[in-house]
Amino acid sequence: MTTAEASTAPAAPLLLARDLRLTFPGRRGAPPARAVDGVDLALAPGEILALVGESGCGKTTLARTLLGLARPTSGEVAFGGAALDYRSRALKAYRKRVQLVLQDPSGSLNPRHTVYDAVAEGLRIHGFDGDERAAVAEALSRAGLRPPERFFLRYPHELSGGQRQRVVIAGALVLGPELIVADEPVASLDASVRGEILALLLQLRDELGLSALVVTHDLGLAWNIADRVAVMYLGRIVESGPVEDVLTSPRHPYTQALLSVLPEAAGAPVVLTGEPPDPSRIPSGCRFHARCQVLASGRAEAAGVADRCRTEALPVLPAGSDTAQVACHWATATEQP
């Protein structure tokens, strides 16, 4: 490869999942639950990827598996080009480079710890031998709590919800991670504060080159913050690609349904019947077909794919594509020239 070609080649993924699967044993003789059931996912350096789906679709379980908090039944997680090592010392080093930001700051902050101690906890766990006070101050400042010394001796109950979430983010930043995994990072915040936290995540990406995997049920949030989006249903990614492609021209009926309920959406919302199927009883064919508005309306029948929707399984979508990908018999059939 020439120097010019190297400069234009896409960056190697920072985080990569290959055919990732996580199965939980069934209770009292029930079939095993396939919570993550074949996922390929790639996250580039400096990229924000939104992982979107209903509650129960497997997105939080997938995030925990990517963090090394759950060991996959099969498949592989790689970070920085190296397969994840599940020995305790290696996992400790990995979690210094990959930090978790939880949904509820009130639940993730010890009410008896000051802000200073909450942020310094990670440094102490990892045996930091530098200037602890300076590191805590810098992390709080990066998270928008300035002057940081003003917050050192305050307790969580003395802070607003937005300030508590900034403390949680500072606790992740203090270790200098390359990636943060944010699980519903603004779901518990007032609407007036949500924009501030999302703007902070974008600022951290721009200033620090920080990558982020943002787990959310909110496609509106994905539109505001993400470079790419992956839509998850019943343990699988069913549509993925650049956020502009997926959210302005959704191809999967599930993505279309999720977008239809946004306040700014045109037309009537699509009401999905029932709950997502039990992951221990994944249906044959397309796993969305029992709730699919396209199949119910007869459009899949008109396209000649209704039987395939009910009986023919779809392959795992490839990871890291620069173009939008969809796992849907109807979308594939209707888009053919």
Protein backbone atom coordinates (compact mmCIF):
# COMPACT_ATOMS: atom_id res chain seq x y z
CA MET A 1 0.00 0.00 0.00
CA THR A 2 1.32 3.45 -0.92
CA THR A 3 1.50 6.35 1.54
CA ALA A 4 -1.42 8.04 -0.20
CA GLU A 5 -3.52 4.88 -0.04
CA ALA A 6 -2.71 4.42 3.66
CA SER A 7 -3.82 7.98 4.42
CA THR A 8 -7.24 7.39 2.82
CA ALA A 9 -7.79 3.82 4.03
CA PRO A 10 -10.49 3.43 6.71
CA ALA A 11 -9.20 3.14 10.25
CA ALA A 12 -9.06 -0.34 11.73
CA PRO A 13 -11.94 -0.92 14.20
CA LEU A 14 -11.25 -0.01 17.80
CA LEU A 15 -13.90 -2.45 19.00
CA LEU A 16 -14.99 -5.46 16.97
CA ALA A 17 -17.49 -8.25 17.62
CA ARG A 18 -17.53 -11.34 15.41
CA ASP A 19 -20.59 -13.63 15.38
CA LEU A 20 -21.17 -12.85 19.06
CA ARG A 21 -23.62 -15.08 20.92
CA LEU A 22 -24.68 -15.22 24.55
CA THR A 23 -27.12 -17.90 25.67
CA PHE A 24 -28.62 -18.27 29.14
CA PRO A 25 -29.73 -21.70 30.40
CA GLY A 26 -33.48 -22.20 30.56
CA ARG A 27 -35.19 -22.62 33.91
CA ARG A 28 -36.95 -25.83 34.86
CA GLY A 29 -36.34 -27.51 31.54
CA ALA A 30 -37.21 -24.50 29.39
CA PRO A 31 -35.16 -23.95 26.19
CA PRO A 32 -32.07 -21.72 26.55
CA ALA A 33 -32.57 -18.00 25.98
CA ARG A 34 -30.55 -16.64 23.04
CA ALA A 35 -30.11 -13.09 24.35
CA VAL A 36 -27.40 -12.20 21.81
CA ASP A 37 -27.80 -14.41 18.80
CA GLY A 38 -25.17 -13.69 16.18
CA VAL A 39 -23.94 -10.10 16.14
CA ASP A 40 -21.16 -8.56 14.07
CA LEU A 41 -20.37 -5.03 15.21
CA ALA A 42 -17.50 -2.62 14.60
CA LEU A 43 -16.72 0.74 16.17
CA ALA A 44 -14.02 2.97 14.68
CA PRO A 45 -11.71 5.27 16.66
CA GLY A 46 -13.42 8.59 17.38
CA GLU A 47 -16.82 7.28 16.28
CA ILE A 48 -20.15 7.39 18.11
CA LEU A 49 -22.34 4.37 17.42
CA ALA A 50 -25.94 4.25 18.68
CA LEU A 51 -27.32 0.80 19.50
CA VAL A 52 -31.10 1.15 19.34
CA GLY A 53 -34.06 -1.09 20.11
CA GLU A 54 -37.00 -1.79 22.39
CA SER A 55 -36.55 -2.94 25.96
CA GLY A 56 -35.77 -6.65 25.98
CA CYS A 57 -34.20 -6.73 22.51
CA GLY A 58 -30.75 -7.64 23.91
CA LYS A 59 -28.92 -4.35 23.55
CA THR A 60 -27.86 -4.01 27.20
CA THR A 61 -26.78 -7.67 27.28
CA LEU A 62 -24.73 -7.03 24.13
CA ALA A 63 -23.15 -3.97 25.74
CA ARG A 64 -22.25 -5.96 28.87
CA THR A 65 -20.68 -8.65 26.68
CA LEU A 66 -18.62 -6.05 24.81
CA LEU A 67 -17.46 -4.68 28.18
CA GLY A 68 -16.31 -8.12 29.32
CA LEU A 69 -18.91 -8.18 32.11
CA ALA A 70 -20.43 -11.29 30.52
CA ARG A 71 -18.47 -13.93 28.66
CA PRO A 72 -19.96 -14.87 25.29
CA THR A 73 -21.13 -18.41 24.63
CA SER A 74 -19.38 -18.19 21.28
CA GLY A 75 -17.88 -15.60 18.97
CA GLU A 76 -15.20 -13.07 19.78
CA VAL A 77 -14.73 -9.53 21.06
CA ALA A 78 -11.57 -7.75 19.96
CA PHE A 79 -10.24 -4.39 21.11
CA GLY A 80 -7.41 -2.59 19.38
CA GLY A 81 -6.90 -5.62 17.15
CA ALA A 82 -6.44 -8.10 20.03
CA ALA A 83 -8.99 -10.64 21.20
CA LEU A 84 -10.40 -9.93 24.62
CA ASP A 85 -8.57 -11.85 27.36
CA TYR A 86 -10.92 -12.93 30.17
CA ARG A 87 -8.27 -13.47 32.82
CA SER A 88 -8.82 -11.10 35.75
CA ARG A 89 -5.65 -9.02 35.31
CA ALA A 90 -6.27 -8.57 31.58
CA LEU A 91 -9.90 -7.62 32.16
CA LYS A 92 -8.85 -5.02 34.72
CA ALA A 93 -6.51 -3.45 32.15
CA TYR A 94 -9.26 -3.59 29.51
CA ARG A 95 -11.78 -1.84 31.75
CA LYS A 96 -9.36 1.00 32.23
CA ARG A 97 -9.47 1.59 28.47
CA VAL A 98 -13.23 0.99 28.17
CA GLN A 99 -15.47 2.71 30.71
CA LEU A 100 -19.18 2.33 31.45
CA VAL A 101 -21.57 5.25 32.03
CA LEU A 102 -24.85 4.04 33.55
CA GLN A 103 -28.37 5.35 33.04
CA ASP A 104 -29.17 6.39 36.61
CA PRO A 105 -26.48 8.53 38.25
CA SER A 106 -28.28 8.34 41.59
CA GLY A 107 -27.89 4.56 41.58
CA SER A 108 -24.27 4.54 40.43
CA LEU A 109 -22.99 7.12 42.96
CA ASN A 110 -22.48 6.12 46.60
CA PRO A 111 -24.50 8.66 48.63
CA ARG A 112 -21.86 8.56 51.39
CA HIS A 113 -18.98 9.44 49.06
CA THR A 114 -18.06 12.98 48.15
CA VAL A 115 -17.73 13.94 44.51
CA TYR A 116 -13.96 13.84 44.91
CA ASP A 117 -13.99 10.28 46.23
CA ALA A 118 -16.47 9.14 43.57
CA VAL A 119 -14.21 10.36 40.77
CA ALA A 120 -10.99 9.21 42.45
CA GLU A 121 -12.29 5.66 43.04
CA GLY A 122 -11.15 4.40 39.64
CA LEU A 123 -7.68 5.86 40.11
CA ARG A 124 -7.33 4.06 43.43
CA ILE A 125 -8.58 0.74 42.04
CA HIS A 126 -6.01 0.91 39.23
CA GLY A 127 -3.14 2.02 41.47
CA PHE A 128 -2.64 5.48 39.96
CA ASP A 129 0.68 6.89 41.16
CA GLY A 130 0.42 10.45 39.81
CA ASP A 131 -1.17 13.59 41.25
CA GLU A 132 -4.62 12.33 42.23
CA ARG A 133 -6.04 15.77 43.04
CA ALA A 134 -4.96 17.18 39.67
CA ALA A 135 -6.38 14.18 37.80
CA VAL A 136 -9.75 14.48 39.58
CA ALA A 137 -9.87 18.20 38.93
CA GLU A 138 -9.11 17.74 35.24
CA ALA A 139 -11.79 15.06 34.85
CA LEU A 140 -14.44 17.21 36.56
CA SER A 141 -13.46 20.16 34.41
CA ARG A 142 -13.68 18.01 31.24
CA ALA A 143 -17.16 16.96 32.35
CA GLY A 144 -18.24 20.60 32.67
CA LEU A 145 -18.12 20.96 36.46
CA ARG A 146 -16.09 24.16 36.89
CA PRO A 147 -14.34 25.24 38.95
CA PRO A 148 -13.81 21.61 39.95
CA GLU A 149 -12.68 22.41 43.49
CA ARG A 150 -16.14 23.77 44.19
CA PHE A 151 -17.53 20.24 43.84
CA PHE A 152 -14.85 18.22 45.66
CA LEU A 153 -16.61 18.04 49.04
CA ARG A 154 -20.20 17.95 47.84
CA TYR A 155 -22.39 14.85 48.08
CA PRO A 156 -24.68 13.45 45.37
CA HIS A 157 -27.87 14.63 47.08
CA GLU A 158 -26.56 18.21 46.89
CA LEU A 159 -26.34 18.08 43.09
CA SER A 160 -28.89 18.33 40.30
CA GLY A 161 -29.56 15.33 38.08
CA GLY A 162 -27.44 16.78 35.30
CA GLN A 163 -24.56 17.47 37.68
CA ARG A 164 -24.71 13.91 39.02
CA GLN A 165 -24.49 12.55 35.48
CA ARG A 166 -21.48 14.79 34.84
CA VAL A 167 -19.82 13.32 37.96
CA VAL A 168 -20.41 9.82 36.57
CA ILE A 169 -18.89 10.89 33.25
CA ALA A 170 -15.92 12.43 35.09
CA GLY A 171 -15.40 9.14 36.92
CA ALA A 172 -15.12 7.43 33.53
CA LEU A 173 -12.86 10.13 32.04
CA VAL A 174 -10.38 10.17 34.92
CA LEU A 175 -8.78 6.93 33.69
CA GLY A 176 -8.22 8.29 30.19
CA PRO A 177 -10.32 5.68 28.34
CA GLU A 178 -10.42 5.23 24.58
CA LEU A 179 -14.07 4.17 24.58
CA ILE A 180 -17.09 4.78 26.78
CA VAL A 181 -20.21 2.64 26.75
CA ALA A 182 -23.17 4.81 27.76
CA ASP A 183 -26.33 2.88 28.64
CA GLU A 184 -29.32 5.22 28.25
CA PRO A 185 -27.13 8.14 29.41
CA VAL A 186 -29.90 10.76 29.46
CA ALA A 187 -33.04 8.68 30.04
CA SER A 188 -33.38 9.79 33.69
CA LEU A 189 -32.78 13.49 32.99
CA ASP A 190 -35.14 16.37 32.34
CA ALA A 191 -35.53 17.40 28.72
CA SER A 192 -33.75 20.70 29.41
CA VAL A 193 -30.63 18.87 30.61
CA ARG A 194 -30.53 16.08 28.02
CA GLY A 195 -29.19 18.35 25.29
CA GLU A 196 -26.37 19.53 27.54
CA ILE A 197 -25.18 15.99 28.26
CA LEU A 198 -25.39 14.99 24.59
CA ALA A 199 -23.43 18.10 23.64
CA LEU A 200 -20.82 17.13 26.24
CA LEU A 201 -20.40 13.67 24.70
CA LEU A 202 -19.90 15.24 21.28
CA GLN A 203 -17.39 17.68 22.73
CA LEU A 204 -15.42 14.84 24.34
CA ARG A 205 -15.34 13.02 21.01
CA ASP A 206 -14.04 16.13 19.24
CA GLU A 207 -11.50 17.14 21.90
CA LEU A 208 -10.23 13.75 23.06
CA GLY A 209 -10.94 11.50 20.07
CA LEU A 210 -13.09 9.46 22.42
CA SER A 211 -15.23 6.71 20.90
CA ALA A 212 -18.67 5.94 22.32
CA LEU A 213 -21.23 3.18 22.12
CA VAL A 214 -24.55 4.73 23.16
CA VAL A 215 -27.27 2.25 24.09
CA THR A 216 -30.75 3.75 23.76
CA HIS A 217 -34.36 3.08 22.84
CA ASP A 218 -34.62 6.61 21.43
CA LEU A 219 -33.95 7.05 17.72
CA GLY A 220 -34.23 10.81 18.19
CA LEU A 221 -31.21 10.69 20.48
CA ALA A 222 -29.35 8.62 17.90
CA TRP A 223 -30.06 11.28 15.27
CA ASN A 224 -28.63 14.02 17.51
CA ILE A 225 -25.40 12.31 18.53
CA ALA A 226 -24.43 9.28 16.45
CA ASP A 227 -22.27 8.82 13.37
CA ARG A 228 -23.72 5.37 12.78
CA VAL A 229 -26.69 3.47 14.14
CA ALA A 230 -27.37 -0.24 14.66
CA VAL A 231 -30.99 -1.29 15.21
CA MET A 232 -31.39 -4.44 17.30
CA TYR A 233 -34.33 -6.83 17.52
CA LEU A 234 -34.50 -10.11 19.43
CA GLY A 235 -30.75 -10.58 19.74
CA ARG A 236 -29.80 -9.54 16.18
CA ILE A 237 -28.85 -6.35 14.36
CA VAL A 238 -31.58 -5.93 11.73
CA GLU A 239 -30.44 -2.64 10.18
CA SER A 240 -27.25 -0.62 10.43
CA GLY A 241 -25.31 2.10 8.69
CA PRO A 242 -24.60 5.84 8.68
CA VAL A 243 -27.20 7.62 10.79
CA GLU A 244 -28.40 9.81 7.89
CA ASP A 245 -29.06 6.75 5.71
CA VAL A 246 -30.81 4.63 8.32
CA LEU A 247 -32.94 7.36 9.90
CA THR A 248 -33.93 9.29 6.78
CA SER A 249 -34.52 6.22 4.58
CA PRO A 250 -35.28 3.30 6.94
CA ARG A 251 -35.64 0.02 5.09
CA HIS A 252 -36.55 -2.46 7.82
CA PRO A 253 -40.21 -2.38 8.96
CA TYR A 254 -39.04 -2.45 12.59
CA THR A 255 -36.91 0.68 12.10
CA GLN A 256 -39.81 2.33 10.31
CA ALA A 257 -42.09 1.55 13.24
CA LEU A 258 -39.63 2.94 15.80
CA LEU A 259 -39.25 6.15 13.79
CA SER A 260 -42.98 6.57 13.28
CA VAL A 261 -43.63 7.31 16.96
CA LEU A 262 -41.19 10.24 17.15
CA PRO A 263 -43.00 13.59 17.68
CA GLU A 264 -41.63 15.01 14.42
CA ALA A 265 -42.60 11.97 12.33
CA ALA A 266 -45.04 12.47 9.46
CA GLY A 267 -48.09 10.26 9.22
CA ALA A 268 -49.73 7.97 11.72
CA PRO A 269 -47.52 5.99 14.11
CA VAL A 270 -47.08 2.29 13.46
CA VAL A 271 -48.43 0.33 16.41
CA LEU A 272 -46.58 -2.95 16.83
CA THR A 273 -48.79 -5.69 18.23
CA GLY A 274 -47.61 -7.64 21.24
CA GLU A 275 -44.23 -7.76 22.92
CA PRO A 276 -41.00 -9.02 21.33
CA PRO A 277 -40.99 -12.86 21.35
CA ASP A 278 -39.31 -14.74 24.16
CA PRO A 279 -35.59 -15.17 23.31
CA SER A 280 -35.94 -18.83 24.30
CA ARG A 281 -38.58 -19.27 21.58
CA ILE A 282 -37.25 -17.34 18.60
CA PRO A 283 -39.63 -17.84 15.66
CA SER A 284 -38.62 -19.41 12.38
CA GLY A 285 -37.91 -17.20 9.39
CA CYS A 286 -37.52 -13.49 10.02
CA ARG A 287 -37.71 -13.07 13.77
CA PHE A 288 -39.84 -9.93 13.34
CA HIS A 289 -42.48 -11.46 11.06
CA ALA A 290 -45.15 -12.04 13.75
CA ARG A 291 -45.29 -8.28 14.44
CA CYS A 292 -44.44 -6.97 10.97
CA GLN A 293 -46.80 -4.35 9.58
CA VAL A 294 -45.58 -5.04 6.03
CA LEU A 295 -46.50 -8.72 6.28
CA ALA A 296 -49.83 -7.93 7.96
CA SER A 297 -50.76 -5.39 5.26
CA GLY A 298 -50.21 -7.82 2.39
CA ARG A 299 -47.28 -5.93 0.91
CA ALA A 300 -44.91 -8.83 1.53
CA GLU A 301 -47.39 -11.14 -0.22
CA ALA A 302 -47.53 -8.76 -3.18
CA ALA A 303 -43.73 -8.78 -3.36
CA GLY A 304 -43.73 -12.58 -3.36
CA VAL A 305 -41.75 -12.98 -0.14
CA ALA A 306 -44.41 -13.68 2.50
CA ASP A 307 -43.53 -17.39 2.77
CA ARG A 308 -39.82 -16.55 3.01
CA CYS A 309 -40.58 -14.05 5.78
CA ARG A 310 -42.24 -16.81 7.81
CA THR A 311 -39.79 -19.64 7.13
CA GLU A 312 -36.40 -18.46 5.83
CA ALA A 313 -33.89 -17.12 8.37
CA LEU A 314 -31.81 -14.09 7.48
CA PRO A 315 -28.00 -13.97 7.71
CA VAL A 316 -26.06 -11.96 10.27
CA LEU A 317 -25.38 -8.46 8.96
CA PRO A 318 -21.70 -7.69 8.28
CA ALA A 319 -19.92 -5.27 10.60
CA GLY A 320 -18.42 -1.90 9.84
CA SER A 321 -19.91 -1.31 6.39
CA ASP A 322 -19.80 2.26 5.05
CA THR A 323 -23.24 1.71 3.52
CA ALA A 324 -26.57 0.90 5.12
CA GLN A 325 -27.31 -2.81 5.62
CA VAL A 326 -30.69 -4.43 6.24
CA ALA A 327 -31.86 -7.94 7.15
CA CYS A 328 -35.30 -8.04 5.58
CA HIS A 329 -36.69 -10.22 2.78
CA TRP A 330 -39.23 -7.57 1.75
CA ALA A 331 -36.74 -4.68 1.64
CA THR A 332 -34.30 -6.75 -0.39
CA ALA A 333 -36.97 -7.89 -2.85
CA THR A 334 -38.51 -4.47 -3.42
CA GLU A 335 -35.14 -2.76 -3.91
CA GLN A 336 -33.94 -5.13 -6.64
CA PRO A 337 -33.73 -3.46 -10.10
